[in-house]
């Protein structure tokens, strides 16, 4: 890796009860970590110089348990706004709206589309927010960001063109950048905890 490269670790927050229910978070909902989530977060081992963090309690709690007591709270790393989808499971959404939620979610994955769930982010607004944060990163050094699956997926689309990946709670993605070129070196799930 070039000495002039940036290393960026993207970490999804540890598990919460809504994750287990596979329910989209309500606007402003701030679930705390499950006991398993707290154990997984405490097992994270990273040594970056700068730590960014979504303003959500679940991301902040994950960063604190991983040993980072002063992360830079960064609104651009906040969860997507799911509008009318918020607070519902996929089954509930299909019962209420049929196949339409699939189009809403697909739209949110597209960086240039002006469509998304009613009352929520569009693909364009969501990706523009994430791109703005990526553009603000230093050109060299090692940084980490504690955030959400959607934000991490958006960063992967915007940097290396990856259009689909499973980002499990407490999963880590490591990217590198040098002279405007990004590459992926790690996409890992956390170690499973017995009984979890």
N, C-alpha and C. Protein backbone atom coordinates (compact mmCIF):
# COMPACT_ATOMS: atom_id res chain seq x y z
N UNK A 1 0.84 -1.18 0.00
CA UNK A 1 0.00 0.00 0.00
C UNK A 1 0.89 1.25 0.00
N UNK A 2 0.58 2.26 -0.82
CA UNK A 2 1.40 3.46 -0.87
C UNK A 2 1.41 4.18 0.47
N UNK A 3 2.56 4.80 0.82
CA UNK A 3 2.65 5.54 2.07
C UNK A 3 1.72 6.73 2.08
N UNK A 4 1.32 7.21 0.93
CA UNK A 4 0.46 8.38 0.85
C UNK A 4 -1.02 8.02 0.82
N UNK A 5 -1.35 6.78 1.17
CA UNK A 5 -2.75 6.33 1.10
C UNK A 5 -3.52 6.66 2.38
N UNK A 6 -4.82 6.77 2.22
CA UNK A 6 -5.76 6.86 3.34
C UNK A 6 -6.30 5.46 3.60
N UNK A 7 -6.37 5.07 4.86
CA UNK A 7 -7.04 3.83 5.25
C UNK A 7 -8.32 4.22 6.01
N UNK A 8 -9.44 3.71 5.56
CA UNK A 8 -10.74 4.03 6.15
C UNK A 8 -11.43 2.74 6.59
N UNK A 9 -11.68 2.63 7.90
CA UNK A 9 -12.44 1.51 8.45
C UNK A 9 -13.88 1.98 8.67
N UNK A 10 -14.83 1.26 8.10
CA UNK A 10 -16.25 1.56 8.30
C UNK A 10 -16.84 0.44 9.15
N UNK A 11 -17.40 0.79 10.30
CA UNK A 11 -17.89 -0.22 11.24
C UNK A 11 -19.39 0.00 11.45
N UNK A 12 -20.16 -1.05 11.21
CA UNK A 12 -21.59 -0.97 11.51
C UNK A 12 -21.76 -1.11 13.02
N UNK A 13 -22.67 -0.35 13.58
CA UNK A 13 -22.92 -0.44 15.02
C UNK A 13 -23.27 -1.87 15.42
N UNK A 14 -23.08 -2.19 16.69
CA UNK A 14 -23.36 -3.52 17.22
C UNK A 14 -24.87 -3.76 17.26
N UNK A 15 -25.31 -5.02 17.45
CA UNK A 15 -26.73 -5.37 17.37
C UNK A 15 -27.62 -4.66 18.40
N UNK A 16 -28.84 -4.36 17.94
CA UNK A 16 -29.90 -3.79 18.77
C UNK A 16 -31.14 -4.66 18.63
N UNK A 17 -32.13 -4.45 19.46
CA UNK A 17 -33.38 -5.21 19.36
C UNK A 17 -34.05 -5.01 18.00
N UNK A 18 -34.16 -3.77 17.46
CA UNK A 18 -34.76 -3.62 16.13
C UNK A 18 -34.03 -4.40 15.04
N UNK A 19 -32.69 -4.56 15.16
CA UNK A 19 -31.95 -5.39 14.19
C UNK A 19 -32.48 -6.81 14.22
N UNK A 20 -32.65 -7.36 15.42
CA UNK A 20 -33.13 -8.74 15.56
C UNK A 20 -34.54 -8.89 15.00
N UNK A 21 -35.35 -7.83 15.13
CA UNK A 21 -36.72 -7.86 14.62
C UNK A 21 -36.76 -7.59 13.12
N UNK A 22 -35.61 -7.19 12.55
CA UNK A 22 -35.52 -6.82 11.13
C UNK A 22 -36.54 -5.73 10.80
N UNK A 23 -36.55 -4.72 11.67
CA UNK A 23 -37.49 -3.62 11.55
C UNK A 23 -36.72 -2.34 11.23
N UNK A 24 -37.25 -1.57 10.27
CA UNK A 24 -36.64 -0.29 9.94
C UNK A 24 -36.81 0.67 11.12
N UNK A 25 -35.75 1.42 11.47
CA UNK A 25 -35.87 2.30 12.64
C UNK A 25 -36.82 3.46 12.40
N UNK A 26 -37.52 3.84 13.47
CA UNK A 26 -38.35 5.03 13.44
C UNK A 26 -37.45 6.26 13.32
N UNK A 27 -37.97 7.34 12.76
CA UNK A 27 -37.22 8.59 12.74
C UNK A 27 -36.98 9.02 14.18
N UNK A 28 -35.75 9.28 14.52
CA UNK A 28 -35.42 9.69 15.88
C UNK A 28 -35.30 8.55 16.88
N UNK A 29 -35.62 7.32 16.46
CA UNK A 29 -35.47 6.17 17.37
C UNK A 29 -33.99 5.96 17.66
N UNK A 30 -33.69 5.65 18.89
CA UNK A 30 -32.29 5.50 19.25
C UNK A 30 -32.12 4.30 20.17
N UNK A 31 -32.26 3.11 19.62
CA UNK A 31 -32.18 1.87 20.40
C UNK A 31 -30.78 1.68 20.97
N UNK A 32 -30.73 1.15 22.19
CA UNK A 32 -29.43 0.81 22.77
C UNK A 32 -29.03 -0.59 22.32
N UNK A 33 -27.78 -0.94 22.57
CA UNK A 33 -27.28 -2.24 22.16
C UNK A 33 -27.85 -3.35 23.03
N UNK A 34 -27.95 -4.53 22.44
CA UNK A 34 -28.33 -5.72 23.21
C UNK A 34 -27.13 -6.17 24.03
N UNK A 35 -27.32 -7.05 25.02
CA UNK A 35 -26.16 -7.59 25.75
C UNK A 35 -25.14 -8.23 24.81
N UNK A 36 -25.61 -8.99 23.81
CA UNK A 36 -24.69 -9.57 22.83
C UNK A 36 -23.96 -8.47 22.07
N UNK A 37 -24.70 -7.41 21.72
CA UNK A 37 -24.09 -6.29 21.00
C UNK A 37 -22.98 -5.64 21.80
N UNK A 38 -23.19 -5.46 23.09
CA UNK A 38 -22.15 -4.87 23.93
C UNK A 38 -20.90 -5.76 23.97
N UNK A 39 -21.10 -7.07 24.02
CA UNK A 39 -19.94 -7.98 24.02
C UNK A 39 -19.18 -7.92 22.69
N UNK A 40 -19.93 -7.88 21.57
CA UNK A 40 -19.29 -7.81 20.26
C UNK A 40 -18.51 -6.50 20.10
N UNK A 41 -19.10 -5.39 20.54
CA UNK A 41 -18.44 -4.09 20.41
C UNK A 41 -17.13 -4.07 21.20
N UNK A 42 -17.14 -4.68 22.37
CA UNK A 42 -15.94 -4.69 23.21
C UNK A 42 -14.82 -5.53 22.60
N UNK A 43 -15.14 -6.40 21.63
CA UNK A 43 -14.13 -7.23 20.98
C UNK A 43 -13.48 -6.56 19.77
N UNK A 44 -14.02 -5.42 19.33
CA UNK A 44 -13.44 -4.74 18.16
C UNK A 44 -12.04 -4.25 18.48
N UNK A 45 -11.12 -4.44 17.55
CA UNK A 45 -9.73 -4.02 17.74
C UNK A 45 -9.28 -3.22 16.53
N UNK A 46 -9.20 -1.91 16.69
CA UNK A 46 -8.74 -1.02 15.63
C UNK A 46 -7.84 0.04 16.27
N UNK A 47 -6.93 0.61 15.49
CA UNK A 47 -6.03 1.63 16.03
C UNK A 47 -5.94 2.85 15.12
N UNK A 48 -7.06 3.39 14.66
CA UNK A 48 -6.97 4.57 13.80
C UNK A 48 -6.67 5.83 14.60
N UNK A 49 -6.18 6.85 13.91
CA UNK A 49 -5.84 8.11 14.56
C UNK A 49 -7.07 8.98 14.80
N UNK A 50 -8.04 8.89 13.90
CA UNK A 50 -9.24 9.73 13.99
C UNK A 50 -10.47 8.83 13.96
N UNK A 51 -11.44 9.11 14.83
CA UNK A 51 -12.66 8.31 14.91
C UNK A 51 -13.86 9.22 14.64
N UNK A 52 -14.64 8.87 13.62
CA UNK A 52 -15.90 9.55 13.32
C UNK A 52 -17.04 8.66 13.79
N UNK A 53 -18.19 9.27 14.08
CA UNK A 53 -19.29 8.46 14.58
C UNK A 53 -20.63 9.10 14.23
N UNK A 54 -21.58 8.28 13.83
CA UNK A 54 -22.97 8.71 13.67
C UNK A 54 -23.45 9.27 15.00
N UNK A 55 -24.39 10.22 14.97
CA UNK A 55 -24.91 10.75 16.24
C UNK A 55 -25.80 9.78 17.01
N UNK A 56 -26.14 8.63 16.45
CA UNK A 56 -27.05 7.71 17.12
C UNK A 56 -26.39 7.07 18.34
N UNK A 57 -27.23 6.78 19.34
CA UNK A 57 -26.73 6.15 20.57
C UNK A 57 -26.07 4.81 20.27
N UNK A 58 -26.67 4.01 19.36
CA UNK A 58 -26.12 2.68 19.08
C UNK A 58 -24.73 2.75 18.47
N UNK A 59 -24.48 3.75 17.62
CA UNK A 59 -23.14 3.91 17.05
C UNK A 59 -22.17 4.45 18.10
N UNK A 60 -22.60 5.43 18.87
CA UNK A 60 -21.73 5.99 19.91
C UNK A 60 -21.38 4.94 20.96
N UNK A 61 -22.37 4.15 21.36
CA UNK A 61 -22.12 3.10 22.35
C UNK A 61 -21.14 2.07 21.80
N UNK A 62 -21.26 1.73 20.52
CA UNK A 62 -20.32 0.79 19.91
C UNK A 62 -18.91 1.35 19.94
N UNK A 63 -18.75 2.63 19.57
CA UNK A 63 -17.42 3.26 19.57
C UNK A 63 -16.83 3.29 20.98
N UNK A 64 -17.64 3.65 21.96
CA UNK A 64 -17.15 3.71 23.35
C UNK A 64 -16.71 2.34 23.84
N UNK A 65 -17.51 1.31 23.58
CA UNK A 65 -17.16 -0.04 24.01
C UNK A 65 -15.93 -0.57 23.29
N UNK A 66 -15.69 -0.07 22.07
CA UNK A 66 -14.50 -0.48 21.32
C UNK A 66 -13.24 0.27 21.79
N UNK A 67 -13.43 1.17 22.77
CA UNK A 67 -12.28 1.85 23.36
C UNK A 67 -12.03 3.26 22.91
N UNK A 68 -12.99 3.88 22.20
CA UNK A 68 -12.80 5.24 21.70
C UNK A 68 -13.75 6.17 22.45
N UNK A 69 -13.18 6.95 23.38
CA UNK A 69 -14.04 7.75 24.26
C UNK A 69 -14.35 9.15 23.74
N UNK A 70 -13.74 9.57 22.64
CA UNK A 70 -14.02 10.90 22.10
C UNK A 70 -14.16 10.88 20.58
N UNK A 71 -15.12 10.12 20.07
CA UNK A 71 -15.32 10.12 18.61
C UNK A 71 -15.88 11.46 18.15
N UNK A 72 -15.57 11.80 16.90
CA UNK A 72 -16.12 13.03 16.31
C UNK A 72 -17.53 12.74 15.81
N UNK A 73 -18.54 13.28 16.50
CA UNK A 73 -19.93 13.05 16.10
C UNK A 73 -20.17 13.74 14.76
N UNK A 74 -20.63 12.95 13.79
CA UNK A 74 -20.69 13.40 12.39
C UNK A 74 -22.08 13.15 11.82
N UNK A 75 -22.91 14.20 11.68
CA UNK A 75 -24.28 14.02 11.19
C UNK A 75 -24.37 13.32 9.84
N UNK A 76 -23.35 13.47 8.98
CA UNK A 76 -23.38 12.83 7.66
C UNK A 76 -23.38 11.31 7.74
N UNK A 77 -23.00 10.76 8.90
CA UNK A 77 -22.97 9.31 9.08
C UNK A 77 -24.25 8.76 9.68
N UNK A 78 -25.28 9.60 9.84
CA UNK A 78 -26.54 9.16 10.43
C UNK A 78 -27.27 8.17 9.51
N UNK A 79 -28.13 7.38 10.13
CA UNK A 79 -28.97 6.43 9.41
C UNK A 79 -29.80 7.14 8.35
N UNK A 80 -30.13 6.45 7.29
CA UNK A 80 -31.03 6.99 6.28
C UNK A 80 -32.40 7.26 6.90
N UNK A 81 -33.11 8.21 6.33
CA UNK A 81 -34.49 8.47 6.74
C UNK A 81 -35.40 7.60 5.86
N UNK A 82 -36.10 6.65 6.49
CA UNK A 82 -36.92 5.70 5.75
C UNK A 82 -38.36 6.14 5.54
N UNK A 83 -38.71 7.34 5.98
CA UNK A 83 -40.06 7.85 5.73
C UNK A 83 -41.15 6.91 6.21
N UNK A 84 -42.11 6.60 5.33
CA UNK A 84 -43.26 5.76 5.71
C UNK A 84 -42.86 4.31 6.04
N UNK A 85 -41.63 3.93 5.72
CA UNK A 85 -41.17 2.57 6.04
C UNK A 85 -40.75 2.44 7.50
N UNK A 86 -40.47 3.55 8.15
CA UNK A 86 -39.92 3.54 9.50
C UNK A 86 -40.85 2.83 10.48
N UNK A 87 -40.24 2.03 11.34
CA UNK A 87 -40.97 1.33 12.37
C UNK A 87 -41.64 0.04 11.94
N UNK A 88 -41.46 -0.35 10.69
CA UNK A 88 -42.13 -1.54 10.16
C UNK A 88 -41.15 -2.60 9.70
N UNK A 89 -41.59 -3.83 9.76
CA UNK A 89 -40.83 -4.94 9.19
C UNK A 89 -41.15 -5.03 7.71
N UNK A 90 -40.37 -5.83 6.99
CA UNK A 90 -40.64 -6.01 5.55
C UNK A 90 -42.01 -6.63 5.32
N UNK A 91 -42.39 -7.59 6.15
CA UNK A 91 -43.70 -8.23 6.00
C UNK A 91 -44.83 -7.21 6.19
N UNK A 92 -44.67 -6.33 7.17
CA UNK A 92 -45.68 -5.30 7.41
C UNK A 92 -45.75 -4.33 6.23
N UNK A 93 -44.60 -4.00 5.65
CA UNK A 93 -44.58 -3.10 4.50
C UNK A 93 -45.26 -3.73 3.29
N UNK A 94 -44.98 -5.01 3.03
CA UNK A 94 -45.63 -5.68 1.90
C UNK A 94 -47.13 -5.78 2.11
N UNK A 95 -47.55 -6.01 3.34
CA UNK A 95 -48.99 -6.09 3.62
C UNK A 95 -49.66 -4.74 3.36
N UNK A 96 -48.97 -3.65 3.73
CA UNK A 96 -49.55 -2.32 3.56
C UNK A 96 -49.42 -1.76 2.15
N UNK A 97 -48.30 -2.07 1.46
CA UNK A 97 -48.00 -1.40 0.19
C UNK A 97 -47.73 -2.35 -0.98
N UNK A 98 -47.85 -3.66 -0.76
CA UNK A 98 -47.58 -4.60 -1.83
C UNK A 98 -46.11 -4.60 -2.22
N UNK A 99 -45.82 -4.56 -3.52
CA UNK A 99 -44.44 -4.62 -4.00
C UNK A 99 -43.73 -3.26 -4.01
N UNK A 100 -44.46 -2.19 -3.74
CA UNK A 100 -43.89 -0.84 -3.84
C UNK A 100 -42.67 -0.61 -2.97
N UNK A 101 -42.61 -1.11 -1.71
CA UNK A 101 -41.40 -0.87 -0.90
C UNK A 101 -40.11 -1.34 -1.55
N UNK A 102 -40.19 -2.39 -2.35
CA UNK A 102 -38.99 -2.85 -3.05
C UNK A 102 -38.46 -1.76 -3.98
N UNK A 103 -39.34 -1.01 -4.63
CA UNK A 103 -38.93 0.09 -5.51
C UNK A 103 -38.33 1.24 -4.70
N UNK A 104 -38.92 1.51 -3.52
CA UNK A 104 -38.39 2.57 -2.67
C UNK A 104 -36.95 2.27 -2.25
N UNK A 105 -36.73 1.03 -1.78
CA UNK A 105 -35.39 0.65 -1.32
C UNK A 105 -34.41 0.65 -2.48
N UNK A 106 -34.84 0.13 -3.62
CA UNK A 106 -33.96 0.12 -4.80
C UNK A 106 -33.58 1.56 -5.18
N UNK A 107 -34.54 2.48 -5.10
CA UNK A 107 -34.25 3.88 -5.42
C UNK A 107 -33.22 4.46 -4.47
N UNK A 108 -33.31 4.10 -3.20
CA UNK A 108 -32.36 4.63 -2.22
C UNK A 108 -30.94 4.13 -2.46
N UNK A 109 -30.78 3.05 -3.22
CA UNK A 109 -29.44 2.53 -3.49
C UNK A 109 -28.80 3.19 -4.72
N UNK A 110 -29.55 4.04 -5.39
CA UNK A 110 -29.07 4.66 -6.63
C UNK A 110 -28.63 6.10 -6.36
N UNK A 111 -27.35 6.41 -6.51
CA UNK A 111 -26.84 7.74 -6.16
C UNK A 111 -27.45 8.91 -6.92
N UNK A 112 -28.08 8.66 -8.06
CA UNK A 112 -28.58 9.79 -8.86
C UNK A 112 -30.10 9.90 -8.93
N UNK A 113 -30.82 9.00 -8.28
CA UNK A 113 -32.27 9.04 -8.41
C UNK A 113 -32.91 9.99 -7.40
N UNK A 114 -33.95 10.68 -7.84
CA UNK A 114 -34.69 11.61 -6.98
C UNK A 114 -35.93 10.93 -6.41
N UNK A 115 -35.85 9.63 -6.17
CA UNK A 115 -36.98 8.86 -5.69
C UNK A 115 -36.56 8.11 -4.43
N UNK A 116 -37.53 7.80 -3.59
CA UNK A 116 -37.30 7.05 -2.36
C UNK A 116 -38.61 6.89 -1.63
N UNK A 117 -38.61 6.36 -0.42
CA UNK A 117 -39.86 6.19 0.32
C UNK A 117 -40.49 7.55 0.62
N UNK A 118 -41.81 7.68 0.50
CA UNK A 118 -42.46 8.95 0.82
C UNK A 118 -42.08 9.45 2.22
N UNK A 119 -41.67 10.71 2.28
CA UNK A 119 -41.28 11.29 3.55
C UNK A 119 -39.86 10.97 3.97
N UNK A 120 -39.11 10.23 3.14
CA UNK A 120 -37.76 9.82 3.50
C UNK A 120 -36.72 10.33 2.52
N UNK A 121 -35.51 9.80 2.65
CA UNK A 121 -34.42 10.17 1.76
C UNK A 121 -34.65 9.65 0.35
N UNK A 122 -34.16 10.37 -0.62
CA UNK A 122 -34.05 9.85 -1.98
C UNK A 122 -32.65 9.26 -2.13
N UNK A 123 -32.46 8.49 -3.17
CA UNK A 123 -31.12 7.97 -3.42
C UNK A 123 -30.12 9.10 -3.57
N UNK A 124 -30.53 10.15 -4.25
CA UNK A 124 -29.64 11.29 -4.50
C UNK A 124 -29.28 12.02 -3.20
N UNK A 125 -30.27 12.32 -2.37
CA UNK A 125 -29.99 13.07 -1.14
C UNK A 125 -29.12 12.25 -0.19
N UNK A 126 -29.41 10.96 -0.08
CA UNK A 126 -28.66 10.10 0.83
C UNK A 126 -27.21 9.96 0.38
N UNK A 127 -26.99 9.66 -0.89
CA UNK A 127 -25.63 9.48 -1.39
C UNK A 127 -24.85 10.80 -1.42
N UNK A 128 -25.53 11.90 -1.66
CA UNK A 128 -24.85 13.20 -1.64
C UNK A 128 -24.30 13.49 -0.25
N UNK A 129 -25.07 13.15 0.78
CA UNK A 129 -24.62 13.34 2.16
C UNK A 129 -23.37 12.51 2.44
N UNK A 130 -23.40 11.23 2.04
CA UNK A 130 -22.25 10.35 2.28
C UNK A 130 -21.05 10.80 1.45
N UNK A 131 -21.27 11.21 0.20
CA UNK A 131 -20.17 11.68 -0.65
C UNK A 131 -19.53 12.93 -0.06
N UNK A 132 -20.33 13.83 0.49
CA UNK A 132 -19.79 15.03 1.12
C UNK A 132 -18.84 14.68 2.25
N UNK A 133 -19.21 13.67 3.05
CA UNK A 133 -18.33 13.24 4.14
C UNK A 133 -17.05 12.60 3.59
N UNK A 134 -17.18 11.73 2.60
CA UNK A 134 -16.00 11.11 1.99
C UNK A 134 -15.04 12.17 1.46
N UNK A 135 -15.60 13.21 0.85
CA UNK A 135 -14.77 14.28 0.29
C UNK A 135 -14.02 15.05 1.36
N UNK A 136 -14.53 15.02 2.60
CA UNK A 136 -13.91 15.79 3.69
C UNK A 136 -12.79 15.03 4.39
N UNK A 137 -12.59 13.76 4.05
CA UNK A 137 -11.58 12.96 4.74
C UNK A 137 -10.17 13.41 4.37
N UNK A 138 -9.23 13.22 5.29
CA UNK A 138 -7.85 13.58 4.97
C UNK A 138 -7.30 12.67 3.87
N UNK A 139 -6.31 13.13 3.11
CA UNK A 139 -5.79 12.31 2.01
C UNK A 139 -4.93 11.14 2.48
N UNK A 140 -4.40 11.21 3.70
CA UNK A 140 -3.55 10.14 4.22
C UNK A 140 -3.92 9.86 5.68
N UNK A 141 -3.38 8.79 6.21
CA UNK A 141 -3.62 8.44 7.61
C UNK A 141 -4.59 7.29 7.73
N UNK A 142 -4.98 7.01 8.96
CA UNK A 142 -5.90 5.91 9.24
C UNK A 142 -7.05 6.44 10.08
N UNK A 143 -8.28 6.27 9.56
CA UNK A 143 -9.46 6.76 10.25
C UNK A 143 -10.50 5.65 10.32
N UNK A 144 -11.45 5.82 11.22
CA UNK A 144 -12.55 4.86 11.35
C UNK A 144 -13.84 5.62 11.51
N UNK A 145 -14.94 4.99 11.11
CA UNK A 145 -16.27 5.59 11.25
C UNK A 145 -17.24 4.52 11.72
N UNK A 146 -17.93 4.82 12.80
CA UNK A 146 -18.98 3.95 13.34
C UNK A 146 -20.30 4.47 12.81
N UNK A 147 -21.02 3.62 12.06
CA UNK A 147 -22.21 4.10 11.38
C UNK A 147 -23.23 2.98 11.22
N UNK A 148 -23.91 2.98 10.07
CA UNK A 148 -25.05 2.11 9.81
C UNK A 148 -24.86 1.38 8.48
N UNK A 149 -25.58 0.28 8.30
CA UNK A 149 -25.41 -0.53 7.09
C UNK A 149 -25.63 0.29 5.82
N UNK A 150 -26.69 1.07 5.79
CA UNK A 150 -26.98 1.85 4.58
C UNK A 150 -25.88 2.84 4.23
N UNK A 151 -25.33 3.50 5.26
CA UNK A 151 -24.24 4.46 5.03
C UNK A 151 -23.01 3.73 4.49
N UNK A 152 -22.70 2.58 5.07
CA UNK A 152 -21.53 1.81 4.62
C UNK A 152 -21.74 1.32 3.18
N UNK A 153 -22.93 0.85 2.87
CA UNK A 153 -23.21 0.41 1.50
C UNK A 153 -23.11 1.57 0.53
N UNK A 154 -23.60 2.75 0.93
CA UNK A 154 -23.49 3.93 0.06
C UNK A 154 -22.01 4.26 -0.18
N UNK A 155 -21.20 4.20 0.87
CA UNK A 155 -19.77 4.48 0.71
C UNK A 155 -19.11 3.48 -0.23
N UNK A 156 -19.50 2.21 -0.13
CA UNK A 156 -18.94 1.20 -1.03
C UNK A 156 -19.34 1.46 -2.48
N UNK A 157 -20.59 1.88 -2.71
CA UNK A 157 -21.02 2.20 -4.08
C UNK A 157 -20.23 3.38 -4.63
N UNK A 158 -20.07 4.39 -3.79
CA UNK A 158 -19.45 5.64 -4.24
C UNK A 158 -17.93 5.51 -4.43
N UNK A 159 -17.30 4.58 -3.73
CA UNK A 159 -15.84 4.47 -3.81
C UNK A 159 -15.37 3.38 -4.75
N UNK A 160 -15.89 2.15 -4.59
CA UNK A 160 -15.39 1.02 -5.38
C UNK A 160 -16.46 0.41 -6.29
N UNK A 161 -17.65 1.01 -6.33
CA UNK A 161 -18.70 0.53 -7.23
C UNK A 161 -19.37 -0.76 -6.80
N UNK A 162 -19.18 -1.18 -5.56
CA UNK A 162 -19.82 -2.40 -5.06
C UNK A 162 -21.30 -2.11 -4.83
N UNK A 163 -22.17 -2.87 -5.49
CA UNK A 163 -23.60 -2.57 -5.43
C UNK A 163 -24.38 -3.42 -4.43
N UNK A 164 -23.79 -4.46 -3.89
CA UNK A 164 -24.49 -5.29 -2.91
C UNK A 164 -23.48 -5.96 -1.99
N UNK A 165 -23.80 -5.99 -0.71
CA UNK A 165 -22.97 -6.68 0.29
C UNK A 165 -23.80 -6.82 1.55
N UNK A 166 -23.51 -7.83 2.33
CA UNK A 166 -24.16 -7.98 3.63
C UNK A 166 -23.23 -7.37 4.68
N UNK A 167 -23.72 -6.34 5.34
CA UNK A 167 -22.95 -5.68 6.40
C UNK A 167 -23.64 -6.01 7.72
N UNK A 168 -23.13 -7.01 8.39
CA UNK A 168 -23.76 -7.44 9.64
C UNK A 168 -23.41 -6.48 10.77
N UNK A 169 -24.25 -6.43 11.82
CA UNK A 169 -23.91 -5.58 12.97
C UNK A 169 -22.52 -5.92 13.50
N UNK A 170 -21.73 -4.90 13.73
CA UNK A 170 -20.33 -4.99 14.18
C UNK A 170 -19.39 -5.46 13.07
N UNK A 171 -19.88 -5.54 11.84
CA UNK A 171 -19.02 -5.86 10.71
C UNK A 171 -18.10 -4.70 10.39
N UNK A 172 -16.94 -5.01 9.80
CA UNK A 172 -15.94 -4.00 9.47
C UNK A 172 -15.61 -4.07 7.98
N UNK A 173 -15.60 -2.91 7.35
CA UNK A 173 -15.17 -2.77 5.96
C UNK A 173 -13.94 -1.87 5.97
N UNK A 174 -12.90 -2.26 5.28
CA UNK A 174 -11.69 -1.43 5.20
C UNK A 174 -11.44 -1.06 3.74
N UNK A 175 -11.34 0.23 3.51
CA UNK A 175 -11.06 0.80 2.20
C UNK A 175 -9.76 1.58 2.27
N UNK A 176 -9.15 1.75 1.11
CA UNK A 176 -7.95 2.58 1.00
C UNK A 176 -8.14 3.51 -0.19
N UNK A 177 -7.50 4.68 -0.10
CA UNK A 177 -7.56 5.64 -1.20
C UNK A 177 -6.19 6.27 -1.40
N UNK A 178 -5.82 6.44 -2.64
CA UNK A 178 -4.58 7.13 -2.99
C UNK A 178 -4.76 7.79 -4.34
N UNK A 179 -4.52 9.09 -4.38
CA UNK A 179 -4.60 9.86 -5.63
C UNK A 179 -5.93 9.66 -6.35
N UNK A 180 -7.01 9.67 -5.58
CA UNK A 180 -8.35 9.58 -6.16
C UNK A 180 -8.84 8.19 -6.49
N UNK A 181 -8.02 7.17 -6.23
CA UNK A 181 -8.41 5.79 -6.50
C UNK A 181 -8.68 5.07 -5.19
N UNK A 182 -9.83 4.41 -5.11
CA UNK A 182 -10.22 3.66 -3.92
C UNK A 182 -10.11 2.15 -4.19
N UNK A 183 -9.78 1.38 -3.16
CA UNK A 183 -9.84 -0.08 -3.25
C UNK A 183 -10.26 -0.65 -1.90
N UNK A 184 -10.85 -1.84 -1.98
CA UNK A 184 -11.37 -2.55 -0.82
C UNK A 184 -10.39 -3.63 -0.40
N UNK A 185 -10.08 -3.71 0.90
CA UNK A 185 -9.17 -4.77 1.36
C UNK A 185 -9.81 -5.68 2.40
N UNK A 186 -10.97 -5.29 2.96
CA UNK A 186 -11.58 -6.12 4.01
C UNK A 186 -13.08 -5.86 4.08
N UNK A 187 -13.83 -6.95 4.14
CA UNK A 187 -15.26 -6.90 4.39
C UNK A 187 -15.55 -8.10 5.28
N UNK A 188 -15.65 -7.87 6.59
CA UNK A 188 -15.73 -9.00 7.51
C UNK A 188 -16.90 -8.89 8.46
N UNK A 189 -17.41 -10.05 8.85
CA UNK A 189 -18.45 -10.15 9.86
C UNK A 189 -17.78 -10.36 11.21
N UNK A 190 -18.47 -10.00 12.30
CA UNK A 190 -17.88 -10.22 13.62
C UNK A 190 -17.83 -11.70 13.98
N UNK A 191 -16.96 -12.04 14.91
CA UNK A 191 -16.95 -13.40 15.45
C UNK A 191 -18.25 -13.62 16.21
N UNK A 192 -18.84 -14.79 16.05
CA UNK A 192 -20.07 -15.10 16.76
C UNK A 192 -19.78 -15.38 18.23
N UNK A 193 -20.70 -14.93 19.08
CA UNK A 193 -20.59 -15.18 20.50
C UNK A 193 -21.44 -16.38 20.84
N UNK A 194 -20.91 -17.29 21.63
CA UNK A 194 -21.67 -18.49 21.98
C UNK A 194 -23.00 -18.10 22.60
N UNK A 195 -24.05 -18.79 22.17
CA UNK A 195 -25.38 -18.52 22.68
C UNK A 195 -26.07 -17.38 21.98
N UNK A 196 -25.35 -16.66 21.05
CA UNK A 196 -25.92 -15.52 20.37
C UNK A 196 -26.38 -15.89 19.02
